[in-house]
């Protein structure tokens, strides 16, 4: 039975693989609009600079929703607005 389960791996849609990069670009775009560096965003949000940098470069594959909420609050962007269209931008499958 365990052997069957290991063979049934879930395939990740290709848009999911692109999502961290899109999320990082979106965060960076909002920083640029405010004239903020990642350092300023880190200070304003309370999210460690290393975490902000990893989100920005797409190396954090699954940032927590609480982290994204803190970033949105600091940027004064509603979470729904921040996330809107990310799936479509990634080529929804």
Protein backbone atom coordinates (compact mmCIF):
# COMPACT_ATOMS: atom_id res chain seq x y z
CA UNK A 1 0.00 0.00 0.00
CA UNK A 2 2.81 2.43 0.86
CA UNK A 3 4.41 1.58 -2.47
CA UNK A 4 1.26 2.69 -4.31
CA UNK A 5 1.21 6.02 -2.46
CA UNK A 6 4.82 6.77 -3.32
CA UNK A 7 4.09 6.23 -7.02
CA UNK A 8 1.18 8.67 -6.94
CA UNK A 9 3.20 11.85 -6.55
CA UNK A 10 1.30 15.04 -7.18
CA UNK A 11 2.51 17.02 -10.15
CA UNK A 12 2.98 20.68 -9.49
CA UNK A 13 1.46 22.85 -12.22
CA UNK A 14 4.10 24.82 -14.09
CA UNK A 15 2.56 28.14 -12.96
CA UNK A 16 3.26 27.11 -9.35
CA UNK A 17 6.96 26.80 -10.11
CA UNK A 18 6.98 30.36 -11.47
CA UNK A 19 4.97 31.85 -8.60
CA UNK A 20 7.89 32.66 -6.25
CA UNK A 21 9.60 34.71 -8.97
CA UNK A 22 6.37 36.56 -9.79
CA UNK A 23 5.72 37.22 -6.11
CA UNK A 24 9.23 38.61 -5.68
CA UNK A 25 8.88 40.84 -8.73
CA UNK A 26 5.55 42.16 -7.52
CA UNK A 27 7.00 42.97 -4.08
CA UNK A 28 9.95 44.73 -5.70
CA UNK A 29 7.61 46.72 -7.98
CA UNK A 30 5.63 47.99 -5.00
CA UNK A 31 8.88 48.95 -3.24
CA UNK A 32 10.00 50.91 -6.30
CA UNK A 33 6.65 52.72 -6.45
CA UNK A 34 7.19 53.87 -2.87
CA UNK A 35 10.86 54.63 -3.45
CA UNK A 36 11.83 52.00 -0.89
CA UNK A 37 14.78 49.65 -0.78
CA UNK A 38 14.39 46.11 0.49
CA UNK A 39 16.10 47.30 3.67
CA UNK A 40 13.38 49.93 4.23
CA UNK A 41 10.68 47.32 3.57
CA UNK A 42 12.30 45.01 6.09
CA UNK A 43 12.36 47.74 8.73
CA UNK A 44 8.77 48.80 8.00
CA UNK A 45 7.36 45.27 7.97
CA UNK A 46 9.42 43.64 10.70
CA UNK A 47 10.29 40.84 8.28
CA UNK A 48 14.01 39.99 8.38
CA UNK A 49 16.03 41.42 5.50
CA UNK A 50 17.25 37.95 4.52
CA UNK A 51 13.64 36.78 4.15
CA UNK A 52 12.74 39.87 2.11
CA UNK A 53 15.79 39.31 -0.12
CA UNK A 54 14.93 35.63 -0.63
CA UNK A 55 11.36 36.52 -1.60
CA UNK A 56 12.65 39.22 -3.96
CA UNK A 57 14.99 36.83 -5.79
CA UNK A 58 12.49 33.95 -5.83
CA UNK A 59 14.63 31.60 -3.75
CA UNK A 60 11.95 31.30 -1.06
CA UNK A 61 9.60 28.81 -2.66
CA UNK A 62 6.77 29.06 -0.14
CA UNK A 63 6.71 32.27 1.88
CA UNK A 64 4.19 32.14 4.70
CA UNK A 65 0.94 34.03 4.37
CA UNK A 66 1.67 35.88 7.62
CA UNK A 67 4.94 37.13 6.12
CA UNK A 68 3.16 38.27 2.95
CA UNK A 69 0.50 40.00 5.05
CA UNK A 70 3.17 41.91 7.00
CA UNK A 71 4.80 42.99 3.74
CA UNK A 72 1.46 44.12 2.31
CA UNK A 73 0.62 46.06 5.46
CA UNK A 74 3.98 47.86 5.32
CA UNK A 75 3.51 48.65 1.63
CA UNK A 76 -0.07 49.81 2.33
CA UNK A 77 -1.37 47.39 -0.31
CA UNK A 78 -4.36 45.14 0.42
CA UNK A 79 -3.42 41.46 0.32
CA UNK A 80 -6.06 40.75 -2.34
CA UNK A 81 -4.64 43.50 -4.57
CA UNK A 82 -1.08 42.24 -4.05
CA UNK A 83 -2.01 38.68 -5.01
CA UNK A 84 -4.51 39.54 -7.74
CA UNK A 85 -3.63 38.05 -11.11
CA UNK A 86 -0.44 36.26 -10.03
CA UNK A 87 -1.78 32.92 -11.22
CA UNK A 88 -2.81 34.42 -14.57
CA UNK A 89 0.59 36.07 -15.02
CA UNK A 90 2.21 32.69 -14.52
CA UNK A 91 0.26 31.00 -17.30
CA UNK A 92 -2.72 29.41 -15.57
CA UNK A 93 -3.06 25.72 -16.39
